[in-house]
Amino acid sequence: MISKQMLTAAALGGAALLLLTGCSTASTSNVAAGTVDESSSTSPTPTSSTVAALPFNAGGYLAGNATPKVAVGGAGKVSVVATAPLEKTDGMGSGTLTFAFRNNTAAPISHVDFTGTASAGGKVVASGSSQGTVPAQVKPGEAGFGYLYFEDVSSVPESGVQYEFKASTSPADTSSYNSAPLNVTQADNNGTSIIGTAVNKTGKPLTGPYSVGIYCFSGDTLTSSTLDYATESGDIEADATVSFSHDLYDAPCDTFTVGVSGWFK
């Protein structure tokens, strides 16, 4: 099975690195790992520092059969609101932590990246960074999904772990090599693979690689994620389509959402 880190390395080879600004922090404990809970539909009255929480997939970029409720999160910042259980990679010593986040700032954001640490017994036992998030542009009040890749999780215990996150974002615009969302128009699970298409509705030409983020759920609860790439990798014009086929390798993912992202040319 192709690992997430191998796929990510391939993506970085074809994408420019951007200087990102504007950090915020949030922490969550694995005692509640995987819980995605929004108490009723209430949210704070919008003020200069708070925005209303939007429903799942408010931007319309994602597809699949998942419709989770996502927690509101902290006012005025980009914060992680839930995590899935830490997934340790057999025989490699690495691991991934899937998470949900919400943009509670007053402006749309893009090129959303997270760094994070795992702590236990007062010590940092692992650190890592996100490998892409979906959707690629996130409205004020909208939720998104991503995962941290930890190179070494051998010191992470099975319980009593605290995770701390820092978010880094860019303004949501069409500047060169800013992250660009594609609209996923098909996403089907045929029992062995998730197959689909996505179309460039940004009105601008895009360049690849086009990452395909797949997030699995049990009801409202995040369970896992995986990363793949579209078949096409070159430049595409407005309204052009890319396709993808991701082998699940017998991993369960009956309830899922998919996001596809490229880069503005």
Foldseek 3Di string as FASTA:
>chain_A
DDAQVVQLVVFVVPFDDDDWDDKDKDKDFCVQAQDFDADDLDDDDDDQFFDHADFACPVQQKDFFARAHGYQDDTRAKYWGHWAAWAADPPQQKIKIKTKIWAGHQAKWFPKKKKKFKDAPRGTQWIFIWSDKPPRIHGNNYMIITMTITRHCPRPDPHRIMMMMMMTTDGPDQPFRIKAWWRWPAWDDPPFKTKGKTFAQVQAKFFDFKKKKKWAHDHNTTHDIHIDTWPDGGIDGHGDMTIDIGTPVNDDGNGIMMIIMTTRD
